[in-house]
Structure formats: structure tokens, C-alpha cells
Amino acid sequence: MSRLTQKVPPSPAARDLRVLIVDRTAARSHALREALEREGYVALVPPPGRCDLLRCVRELEPDVIIVDMDSPDRDIVEDSRRVFLEDPRPIVMFVDESDSASIRAAVDAGVASYVVKGASPERVRPVVEVALARFRAFQSLKSELDDARNSLAERKLVERAKGILMERRSCSEDEAYRMLRRMAMSRGQRLIEVARNVIEMATLL
């Protein structure tokens, strides 16, 4: 299963929630870590040096990512976008200064919560919970949309296979559909698999 269509993971308990902190300011990162740990979260920090966010996410497997910085820059926005596309996690961005363009860029990159005026300790828990709720709602909606698209694509393939049988066997639509069902039952395959086989065979003849 691809990462983009993965099922929404179960919500972890607060005491088990793993939160990755991305902050280049050591003192601020330490204060945020203490605030998270007081709330019962497991605080994670990337290794020293330039943080490849996607790599950190895959290695540390956080449930939530918190980015805390003075103002968002292009690198962190692009890193957030890569995570959103390749290994989705709820991302919270705390910034001291911002503007409309930065907010739009962050939202477009998949940031679930964008909070101006920094990560004060009393704001951490509610912001994290809101980000989780938004992320899960979005992933659930995306999963439903992907299922609907897959279902529509499969129906189109079945219709195409029926059309081939109707033309080759000079039969009605109902008869063609029954043929597909009989083949699926006899072969122990799904109807869509039989439809694909019919279409593939037709292209060879």
C-alpha cells in the first residue's frame, strides 16, 4: 500500500504520543521539550546539524511534528511539503512573526496548525490536539475520496470488459456481466481482476 493511500493510524494515548521538535534555537527547543514532557508526551529531537525533515520522520517515527522558529523559511516549508506528500504526519508550526504569504505557503505545504506569537507552554497541548484532529479528519476524507476514485475506475474497467464480451460473443449486457461473474467465481478472482484479464487478452488479439 502506498503511503499516500495508507489508512489513518489509530490515535495514540497522550502519554504515548511522540512529538518531533524542529527548532534551531537550543534554549527555545529545550523549553518546548519540557512543556511537552509535562503534558505526558514523548519529545523527540533531530540529530545536530541540518535537519532533513523527511529522513528524521522516517527514522524517529513521530506522531506529530512541531516546527518552532522566528519566521518560516522556504526550506522548512518545502521540507513540510515533502513530509505531507511522502509520509504524512500532522505538522504544527509555531512562529514569532508571519505574513499572509507565509501562512498560505504553510497551509499549501500541509501544515495542520499555524500559530503566530510562539509556543507558550499553556498553548502546546490544545494546539497539538487540534492538529491531530484536523489531520485525522483530512486523512479520513482523503481515504474516502481515494476509495471513490478507485471504485469509479474499477467500474469503468468492468464496463469496458463487458463491451468487449458483447462484441466478441454477440451477447447482451446482462449476459456479458454474468460471464464475467462466472469467470470470477470459477477462477477465485475478484470481478475487477477478471475484467482486466479480458481487456488484456482483447489487446493481444
Protein backbone atom coordinates (compact mmCIF):
# COMPACT_ATOMS: atom_id res chain seq x y z
CA MET A 1 0.00 0.00 0.00
CA SER A 2 1.42 3.36 -0.94
CA ARG A 3 1.99 5.99 1.69
CA LEU A 4 -0.43 8.32 0.01
CA THR A 5 -3.31 5.91 0.40
CA GLN A 6 -2.40 4.42 3.72
CA LYS A 7 -5.16 4.00 6.28
CA VAL A 8 -5.46 6.53 9.06
CA PRO A 9 -3.50 5.24 12.10
CA PRO A 10 -5.27 4.83 15.43
CA SER A 11 -5.00 7.81 17.76
CA PRO A 12 -2.29 7.17 20.36
CA ALA A 13 -2.84 7.98 24.02
CA ALA A 14 -1.31 11.28 25.15
CA ARG A 15 1.34 9.53 27.23
CA ASP A 16 2.47 7.60 24.15
CA LEU A 17 2.31 10.48 21.67
CA ARG A 18 5.70 11.02 20.03
CA VAL A 19 6.36 14.65 19.13
CA LEU A 20 9.30 15.68 16.97
CA ILE A 21 10.63 19.17 17.76
CA VAL A 22 12.27 21.09 14.93
CA ASP A 23 13.87 24.25 16.33
CA ARG A 24 17.29 25.70 15.63
CA THR A 25 17.32 27.66 18.90
CA ALA A 26 18.58 25.39 21.67
CA ALA A 27 17.03 27.26 24.62
CA ARG A 28 13.62 27.50 22.95
CA SER A 29 13.75 23.85 21.92
CA HIS A 30 14.59 22.84 25.50
CA ALA A 31 11.65 24.86 26.88
CA LEU A 32 9.28 23.30 24.36
CA ARG A 33 10.56 19.85 25.19
CA GLU A 34 9.91 20.43 28.90
CA ALA A 35 6.39 21.69 28.14
CA LEU A 36 5.64 18.59 26.06
CA GLU A 37 7.01 16.21 28.67
CA ARG A 38 4.93 17.90 31.38
CA GLU A 39 1.88 17.08 29.28
CA GLY A 40 2.94 13.44 29.09
CA TYR A 41 4.21 13.48 25.52
CA VAL A 42 7.41 11.80 24.33
CA ALA A 43 9.58 14.63 22.99
CA LEU A 44 11.98 13.81 20.16
CA VAL A 45 14.74 16.00 18.72
CA PRO A 46 16.59 15.54 15.41
CA PRO A 47 20.34 14.96 15.39
CA PRO A 48 22.59 18.04 15.38
CA GLY A 49 23.14 19.88 12.11
CA ARG A 50 20.90 20.46 9.12
CA CYS A 51 17.67 18.56 9.65
CA ASP A 52 16.37 16.56 6.70
CA LEU A 53 12.82 16.51 7.98
CA LEU A 54 11.58 13.60 5.87
CA ARG A 55 14.56 11.47 6.88
CA CYS A 56 14.04 12.35 10.56
CA VAL A 57 10.37 11.44 10.30
CA ARG A 58 11.17 8.04 8.81
CA GLU A 59 13.88 7.32 11.38
CA LEU A 60 12.13 8.63 14.52
CA GLU A 61 8.51 7.87 13.50
CA PRO A 62 6.82 10.74 15.36
CA ASP A 63 3.05 11.07 15.66
CA VAL A 64 3.24 14.86 15.45
CA ILE A 65 5.84 17.35 14.21
CA ILE A 66 6.29 20.75 15.85
CA VAL A 67 8.27 23.38 13.99
CA ASP A 68 9.18 26.34 16.21
CA MET A 69 11.01 29.27 14.65
CA ASP A 70 11.18 33.05 14.36
CA SER A 71 9.59 33.07 10.91
CA PRO A 72 9.02 30.31 8.34
CA ASP A 73 11.63 30.00 5.60
CA ARG A 74 11.47 28.31 2.22
CA ASP A 75 13.50 25.27 3.32
CA ILE A 76 11.20 24.31 6.18
CA VAL A 77 8.10 24.89 4.06
CA GLU A 78 9.47 22.62 1.33
CA ASP A 79 10.51 20.03 3.94
CA SER A 80 6.96 20.11 5.32
CA ARG A 81 5.55 19.63 1.83
CA ARG A 82 7.75 16.55 1.26
CA VAL A 83 6.54 15.02 4.51
CA PHE A 84 2.93 15.82 3.64
CA LEU A 85 3.27 14.13 0.25
CA GLU A 86 5.50 11.17 1.10
CA ASP A 87 4.98 10.29 4.77
CA PRO A 88 2.04 12.36 6.10
CA ARG A 89 2.04 13.45 9.75
CA PRO A 90 0.27 16.35 11.47
CA ILE A 91 2.57 19.35 11.43
CA VAL A 92 2.29 22.25 13.89
CA MET A 93 4.17 25.43 13.07
CA PHE A 94 4.82 27.98 15.83
CA VAL A 95 6.27 31.27 14.56
CA ASP A 96 7.06 34.60 16.18
CA GLU A 97 6.46 36.64 13.03
CA SER A 98 4.44 35.94 9.91
CA ASP A 99 2.54 37.38 6.97
CA SER A 100 -0.28 36.27 4.69
CA ALA A 101 2.04 34.80 2.07
CA SER A 102 3.85 32.68 4.68
CA ILE A 103 0.55 31.41 6.08
CA ARG A 104 -0.69 30.42 2.62
CA ALA A 105 2.59 28.67 1.83
CA ALA A 106 2.48 26.72 5.09
CA VAL A 107 -1.13 25.64 4.58
CA ASP A 108 -0.38 24.62 0.98
CA ALA A 109 2.54 22.55 2.32
CA GLY A 110 0.18 20.57 4.56
CA VAL A 111 0.71 22.31 7.91
CA ALA A 112 -2.26 21.38 10.12
CA SER A 113 -1.90 24.19 12.69
CA TYR A 114 -0.13 27.51 12.21
CA VAL A 115 0.28 29.57 15.37
CA VAL A 116 1.73 33.07 15.47
CA LYS A 117 3.44 34.50 18.60
CA GLY A 118 5.35 31.42 19.60
CA ALA A 119 4.86 28.20 21.51
CA SER A 120 3.90 29.24 25.04
CA PRO A 121 3.62 26.21 27.37
CA GLU A 122 -0.11 26.61 28.00
CA ARG A 123 -0.86 26.54 24.27
CA VAL A 124 1.05 23.38 23.42
CA ARG A 125 -1.48 20.70 24.35
CA PRO A 126 -4.61 22.26 22.77
CA VAL A 127 -2.72 23.13 19.59
CA VAL A 128 -1.34 19.59 19.29
CA GLU A 129 -4.81 18.12 19.86
CA VAL A 130 -6.36 20.39 17.23
CA ALA A 131 -3.62 19.49 14.74
CA LEU A 132 -4.22 15.78 15.34
CA ALA A 133 -7.97 16.17 14.90
CA ARG A 134 -7.56 18.16 11.68
CA PHE A 135 -5.03 15.72 10.30
CA ARG A 136 -7.15 12.67 11.04
CA ALA A 137 -10.22 14.33 9.53
CA PHE A 138 -8.27 15.22 6.39
CA GLN A 139 -6.76 11.73 6.05
CA SER A 140 -10.18 10.13 6.53
CA LEU A 141 -11.69 12.36 3.86
CA LYS A 142 -8.77 11.67 1.53
CA SER A 143 -9.15 7.93 2.07
CA GLU A 144 -12.85 8.13 1.23
CA LEU A 145 -12.07 10.13 -1.90
CA ASP A 146 -9.38 7.66 -2.98
CA ASP A 147 -11.81 4.77 -2.44
CA ALA A 148 -14.44 6.54 -4.53
CA ARG A 149 -11.96 7.19 -7.32
CA ASN A 150 -10.77 3.58 -7.26
CA SER A 151 -14.35 2.34 -7.32
CA LEU A 152 -15.17 4.53 -10.31
CA ALA A 153 -12.04 3.39 -12.14
CA GLU A 154 -12.92 -0.25 -11.47
CA ARG A 155 -16.48 0.23 -12.70
CA LYS A 156 -15.12 1.71 -15.92
CA LEU A 157 -12.89 -1.34 -16.44
CA VAL A 158 -15.80 -3.71 -15.84
CA GLU A 159 -17.91 -1.75 -18.35
CA ARG A 160 -15.09 -1.95 -20.87
CA ALA A 161 -14.73 -5.71 -20.37
CA LYS A 162 -18.49 -6.16 -20.77
CA GLY A 163 -18.34 -4.20 -24.05
CA ILE A 164 -15.59 -6.50 -25.34
CA LEU A 165 -17.61 -9.61 -24.49
CA MET A 166 -20.76 -8.15 -26.01
CA GLU A 167 -18.89 -7.51 -29.25
CA ARG A 168 -16.95 -10.80 -29.37
CA ARG A 169 -19.77 -13.08 -28.16
CA SER A 170 -22.68 -11.15 -29.69
CA CYS A 171 -24.46 -11.14 -26.34
CA SER A 172 -26.45 -8.68 -24.24
CA GLU A 173 -25.02 -6.53 -21.46
CA ASP A 174 -26.60 -8.75 -18.79
CA GLU A 175 -25.16 -11.88 -20.39
CA ALA A 176 -21.72 -10.30 -20.60
CA TYR A 177 -21.87 -9.37 -16.92
CA ARG A 178 -22.92 -12.92 -15.99
CA MET A 179 -19.96 -14.26 -17.98
CA LEU A 180 -17.60 -12.06 -16.01
CA ARG A 181 -19.13 -13.21 -12.72
CA ARG A 182 -18.91 -16.89 -13.70
CA MET A 183 -15.26 -16.48 -14.68
CA ALA A 184 -14.52 -14.71 -11.39
CA MET A 185 -16.17 -17.47 -9.35
CA SER A 186 -14.52 -20.31 -11.27
CA ARG A 187 -11.07 -18.73 -11.01
CA GLY A 188 -11.43 -17.47 -7.45
CA GLN A 189 -10.70 -13.93 -8.56
CA ARG A 190 -12.30 -10.55 -8.00
CA LEU A 191 -14.53 -9.25 -10.76
CA ILE A 192 -12.11 -6.41 -11.47
CA GLU A 193 -9.24 -8.87 -11.95
CA VAL A 194 -11.25 -10.85 -14.50
CA ALA A 195 -12.20 -7.60 -16.26
CA ARG A 196 -8.54 -6.63 -16.53
CA ASN A 197 -7.70 -10.08 -17.94
CA VAL A 198 -10.43 -9.77 -20.56
CA ILE A 199 -9.17 -6.35 -21.59
CA GLU A 200 -5.55 -7.54 -21.75
CA MET A 201 -6.48 -10.57 -23.86
CA ALA A 202 -8.51 -8.37 -26.21
CA THR A 203 -5.48 -6.15 -26.84
CA LEU A 204 -3.43 -9.20 -27.84
CA LEU A 205 -5.92 -10.49 -30.40
